[in-house]
């Protein structure tokens, strides 16, 4: 079966990606909805969203937004619990990196939950100096990676 990577372009695709995020962040991790969903979660915003599917089922999602210093900031990277450990996290990050490069970004920044720091390090992200910080009540570290050209 083929993994399908979709760059979100319409309301239906966005709704399906938001459903993945709702399951992971709001239901599983108890992040308040008002902290999870924001103005970037709309078609026509400055965000670029990706949706990952396997056999017609949504398995992962993420987004990127423009960030300071000409970087892309990757956010809301979510893999549904039944699909973790099967490579879909790598697929969603690679899709975000490709979208960022195509948009002209050469550096990516993300705020990783501390338990996922080693995962992102394995993809080439480097933890920035500084203490871990809370975001939505969950400890995070800031990480970044030079993306280079397409």
C-alpha atoms as a PDB file:
ATOM      1  CA  UNK A   1       0.000   0.000   0.000  1.00  0.00           C
ATOM      2  CA  UNK A   2       1.165   3.468  -0.893  1.00  0.00           C
ATOM      3  CA  UNK A   3       1.557   6.287   1.584  1.00  0.00           C
ATOM      4  CA  UNK A   4      -0.143   9.394   0.217  1.00  0.00           C
ATOM      5  CA  UNK A   5       1.236  12.852   1.007  1.00  0.00           C
ATOM      6  CA  UNK A   6      -1.243  15.666   0.404  1.00  0.00           C
ATOM      7  CA  UNK A   7      -0.466  19.349   0.458  1.00  0.00           C
ATOM      8  CA  UNK A   8      -3.703  20.703   1.832  1.00  0.00           C
ATOM      9  CA  UNK A   9      -5.511  22.909  -0.676  1.00  0.00           C
ATOM     10  CA  UNK A  10      -9.188  22.737   0.301  1.00  0.00           C
ATOM     11  CA  UNK A  11     -11.504  22.720   3.307  1.00  0.00           C
ATOM     12  CA  UNK A  12     -12.090  18.944   3.213  1.00  0.00           C
ATOM     13  CA  UNK A  13      -8.361  18.164   3.323  1.00  0.00           C
ATOM     14  CA  UNK A  14      -7.878  20.721   6.101  1.00  0.00           C
ATOM     15  CA  UNK A  15     -10.764  19.230   8.096  1.00  0.00           C
ATOM     16  CA  UNK A  16      -9.194  15.771   7.831  1.00  0.00           C
ATOM     17  CA  UNK A  17      -5.803  17.061   9.011  1.00  0.00           C
ATOM     18  CA  UNK A  18      -7.407  18.907  11.901  1.00  0.00           C
ATOM     19  CA  UNK A  19      -9.144  15.668  12.911  1.00  0.00           C
ATOM     20  CA  UNK A  20      -5.732  14.004  13.281  1.00  0.00           C
ATOM     21  CA  UNK A  21      -4.496  16.898  15.398  1.00  0.00           C
ATOM     22  CA  UNK A  22      -7.674  16.884  17.494  1.00  0.00           C
ATOM     23  CA  UNK A  23      -7.216  13.194  18.281  1.00  0.00           C
ATOM     24  CA  UNK A  24      -3.532  13.573  19.205  1.00  0.00           C
ATOM     25  CA  UNK A  25      -3.353  16.936  20.926  1.00  0.00           C
ATOM     26  CA  UNK A  26      -6.821  17.716  22.283  1.00  0.00           C
ATOM     27  CA  UNK A  27      -8.095  14.224  23.145  1.00  0.00           C
ATOM     28  CA  UNK A  28      -4.878  12.345  23.920  1.00  0.00           C
ATOM     29  CA  UNK A  29      -2.641  15.085  25.339  1.00  0.00           C
ATOM     30  CA  UNK A  30      -5.421  17.269  26.788  1.00  0.00           C
ATOM     31  CA  UNK A  31      -4.292  20.465  25.046  1.00  0.00           C
ATOM     32  CA  UNK A  32      -7.127  23.028  25.235  1.00  0.00           C
ATOM     33  CA  UNK A  33      -8.763  23.486  21.824  1.00  0.00           C
ATOM     34  CA  UNK A  34      -8.240  27.248  21.970  1.00  0.00           C
ATOM     35  CA  UNK A  35      -4.463  26.645  22.149  1.00  0.00           C
ATOM     36  CA  UNK A  36      -4.436  23.989  19.418  1.00  0.00           C
ATOM     37  CA  UNK A  37      -6.548  25.592  16.692  1.00  0.00           C
ATOM     38  CA  UNK A  38      -5.745  29.133  15.581  1.00  0.00           C
ATOM     39  CA  UNK A  39      -5.932  31.568  12.665  1.00  0.00           C
ATOM     40  CA  UNK A  40      -3.350  29.573  10.695  1.00  0.00           C
ATOM     41  CA  UNK A  41      -5.868  26.721  10.495  1.00  0.00           C
ATOM     42  CA  UNK A  42      -7.740  28.176   7.555  1.00  0.00           C
ATOM     43  CA  UNK A  43      -7.416  27.903   3.802  1.00  0.00           C
ATOM     44  CA  UNK A  44      -5.816  31.143   2.624  1.00  0.00           C
ATOM     45  CA  UNK A  45      -3.744  31.695   5.764  1.00  0.00           C
ATOM     46  CA  UNK A  46       0.044  31.959   5.527  1.00  0.00           C
ATOM     47  CA  UNK A  47       0.374  28.359   6.783  1.00  0.00           C
ATOM     48  CA  UNK A  48       1.037  25.341   4.591  1.00  0.00           C
ATOM     49  CA  UNK A  49      -0.537  22.115   5.843  1.00  0.00           C
ATOM     50  CA  UNK A  50       0.296  18.509   4.979  1.00  0.00           C
ATOM     51  CA  UNK A  51      -1.807  15.397   5.475  1.00  0.00           C
ATOM     52  CA  UNK A  52      -0.414  11.857   5.384  1.00  0.00           C
ATOM     53  CA  UNK A  53      -2.700   8.930   4.524  1.00  0.00           C
ATOM     54  CA  UNK A  54      -2.283   5.178   4.370  1.00  0.00           C
ATOM     55  CA  UNK A  55      -4.904   3.032   2.643  1.00  0.00           C
ATOM     56  CA  UNK A  56      -7.317   5.982   2.633  1.00  0.00           C
ATOM     57  CA  UNK A  57      -6.980   6.595   6.362  1.00  0.00           C
ATOM     58  CA  UNK A  58      -5.512   9.768   7.834  1.00  0.00           C
ATOM     59  CA  UNK A  59      -2.430   8.891   9.870  1.00  0.00           C
ATOM     60  CA  UNK A  60      -0.442  12.125  10.349  1.00  0.00           C
ATOM     61  CA  UNK A  61      -0.545  15.861   9.798  1.00  0.00           C
ATOM     62  CA  UNK A  62       1.525  18.986  10.288  1.00  0.00           C
ATOM     63  CA  UNK A  63       1.921  22.571   9.198  1.00  0.00           C
ATOM     64  CA  UNK A  64       4.549  25.206   8.609  1.00  0.00           C
ATOM     65  CA  UNK A  65       4.372  28.951   8.999  1.00  0.00           C
ATOM     66  CA  UNK A  66       6.817  31.736   8.128  1.00  0.00           C
ATOM     67  CA  UNK A  67       9.065  32.497  11.101  1.00  0.00           C
ATOM     68  CA  UNK A  68      11.643  35.082  12.072  1.00  0.00           C
ATOM     69  CA  UNK A  69      14.959  35.212  10.249  1.00  0.00           C
ATOM     70  CA  UNK A  70      13.489  33.764   7.080  1.00  0.00           C
ATOM     71  CA  UNK A  71      12.928  30.335   8.615  1.00  0.00           C
ATOM     72  CA  UNK A  72       9.933  28.045   8.336  1.00  0.00           C
ATOM     73  CA  UNK A  73       8.475  27.003  11.678  1.00  0.00           C
ATOM     74  CA  UNK A  74       7.082  23.479  11.734  1.00  0.00           C
ATOM     75  CA  UNK A  75       4.127  23.093  14.064  1.00  0.00           C
ATOM     76  CA  UNK A  76       1.328  20.749  15.055  1.00  0.00           C
ATOM     77  CA  UNK A  77       3.167  17.642  13.864  1.00  0.00           C
ATOM     78  CA  UNK A  78       0.901  14.767  14.874  1.00  0.00           C
ATOM     79  CA  UNK A  79       0.838  11.018  14.243  1.00  0.00           C
ATOM     80  CA  UNK A  80      -2.191   9.063  15.427  1.00  0.00           C
ATOM     81  CA  UNK A  81      -1.269   6.608  18.193  1.00  0.00           C
ATOM     82  CA  UNK A  82      -2.114   3.473  16.179  1.00  0.00           C
ATOM     83  CA  UNK A  83       0.411   4.523  13.517  1.00  0.00           C
ATOM     84  CA  UNK A  84       3.366   5.565  15.672  1.00  0.00           C
ATOM     85  CA  UNK A  85       6.651   3.742  15.261  1.00  0.00           C
ATOM     86  CA  UNK A  86       5.904   2.939  11.614  1.00  0.00           C
ATOM     87  CA  UNK A  87       7.786   5.789   9.921  1.00  0.00           C
ATOM     88  CA  UNK A  88       4.920   8.234   9.448  1.00  0.00           C
ATOM     89  CA  UNK A  89       6.596  10.867  11.618  1.00  0.00           C
ATOM     90  CA  UNK A  90       9.520  10.839   9.200  1.00  0.00           C
ATOM     91  CA  UNK A  91       7.107  11.113   6.265  1.00  0.00           C
ATOM     92  CA  UNK A  92       5.307  14.169   7.663  1.00  0.00           C
ATOM     93  CA  UNK A  93       8.589  15.950   8.536  1.00  0.00           C
ATOM     94  CA  UNK A  94      10.023  15.202   5.071  1.00  0.00           C
ATOM     95  CA  UNK A  95       6.824  16.563   3.484  1.00  0.00           C
ATOM     96  CA  UNK A  96       7.101  19.756   5.547  1.00  0.00           C
ATOM     97  CA  UNK A  97      10.781  20.107   4.628  1.00  0.00           C
ATOM     98  CA  UNK A  98       9.960  19.723   0.924  1.00  0.00           C
ATOM     99  CA  UNK A  99       7.157  22.288   1.168  1.00  0.00           C
ATOM    100  CA  UNK A 100       9.459  24.691   3.012  1.00  0.00           C
ATOM    101  CA  UNK A 101      12.227  24.365   0.413  1.00  0.00           C
ATOM    102  CA  UNK A 102       9.747  24.911  -2.420  1.00  0.00           C
ATOM    103  CA  UNK A 103       8.514  28.052  -0.655  1.00  0.00           C
ATOM    104  CA  UNK A 104      12.099  29.345  -0.506  1.00  0.00           C
ATOM    105  CA  UNK A 105      12.912  28.589   3.135  1.00  0.00           C
ATOM    106  CA  UNK A 106      16.408  27.262   3.819  1.00  0.00           C
ATOM    107  CA  UNK A 107      16.074  26.737   7.576  1.00  0.00           C
ATOM    108  CA  UNK A 108      13.428  25.042   9.708  1.00  0.00           C
ATOM    109  CA  UNK A 109      12.659  25.650  13.373  1.00  0.00           C
ATOM    110  CA  UNK A 110      10.391  23.546  15.552  1.00  0.00           C
ATOM    111  CA  UNK A 111       9.447  23.255  19.200  1.00  0.00           C
ATOM    112  CA  UNK A 112       9.697  19.576  20.084  1.00  0.00           C
ATOM    113  CA  UNK A 113       8.011  17.972  23.031  1.00  0.00           C
ATOM    114  CA  UNK A 114      10.929  16.754  25.143  1.00  0.00           C
ATOM    115  CA  UNK A 115      10.021  13.078  24.689  1.00  0.00           C
ATOM    116  CA  UNK A 116      10.355  13.538  20.887  1.00  0.00           C
ATOM    117  CA  UNK A 117      13.709  15.346  20.948  1.00  0.00           C
ATOM    118  CA  UNK A 118      15.708  12.216  20.005  1.00  0.00           C
ATOM    119  CA  UNK A 119      13.335  11.547  17.083  1.00  0.00           C
ATOM    120  CA  UNK A 120      13.979  14.994  15.596  1.00  0.00           C
ATOM    121  CA  UNK A 121      17.712  14.755  16.343  1.00  0.00           C
ATOM    122  CA  UNK A 122      17.711  11.580  14.248  1.00  0.00           C
ATOM    123  CA  UNK A 123      16.335  13.655  11.363  1.00  0.00           C
ATOM    124  CA  UNK A 124      19.154  16.187  11.659  1.00  0.00           C
ATOM    125  CA  UNK A 125      17.564  18.753  13.970  1.00  0.00           C
ATOM    126  CA  UNK A 126      19.812  20.346  16.558  1.00  0.00           C
ATOM    127  CA  UNK A 127      18.573  21.479  19.965  1.00  0.00           C
ATOM    128  CA  UNK A 128      19.170  25.178  20.583  1.00  0.00           C
ATOM    129  CA  UNK A 129      20.835  26.198  23.846  1.00  0.00           C
ATOM    130  CA  UNK A 130      18.441  27.092  26.627  1.00  0.00           C
ATOM    131  CA  UNK A 131      16.198  25.545  29.188  1.00  0.00           C
ATOM    132  CA  UNK A 132      13.175  23.482  28.187  1.00  0.00           C
ATOM    133  CA  UNK A 133       9.975  25.522  28.247  1.00  0.00           C
ATOM    134  CA  UNK A 134       6.283  24.844  28.636  1.00  0.00           C
ATOM    135  CA  UNK A 135       3.894  25.182  25.730  1.00  0.00           C
ATOM    136  CA  UNK A 136       0.284  24.151  26.365  1.00  0.00           C
ATOM    137  CA  UNK A 137       1.459  22.650  29.668  1.00  0.00           C
ATOM    138  CA  UNK A 138       3.965  20.301  27.964  1.00  0.00           C
ATOM    139  CA  UNK A 139       7.768  20.641  28.182  1.00  0.00           C
ATOM    140  CA  UNK A 140       9.429  21.521  24.860  1.00  0.00           C
ATOM    141  CA  UNK A 141      12.843  22.340  23.430  1.00  0.00           C
ATOM    142  CA  UNK A 142      13.589  24.530  20.409  1.00  0.00           C
ATOM    143  CA  UNK A 143      15.330  22.723  17.533  1.00  0.00           C
ATOM    144  CA  UNK A 144      16.483  23.779  14.080  1.00  0.00           C
ATOM    145  CA  UNK A 145      17.914  22.427  10.865  1.00  0.00           C
ATOM    146  CA  UNK A 146      19.458  23.915   7.745  1.00  0.00           C
ATOM    147  CA  UNK A 147      17.381  22.685   4.823  1.00  0.00           C
ATOM    148  CA  UNK A 148      19.582  23.574   1.877  1.00  0.00           C
ATOM    149  CA  UNK A 149      18.338  23.716  -1.698  1.00  0.00           C
ATOM    150  CA  UNK A 150      15.805  21.433  -3.347  1.00  0.00           C
END
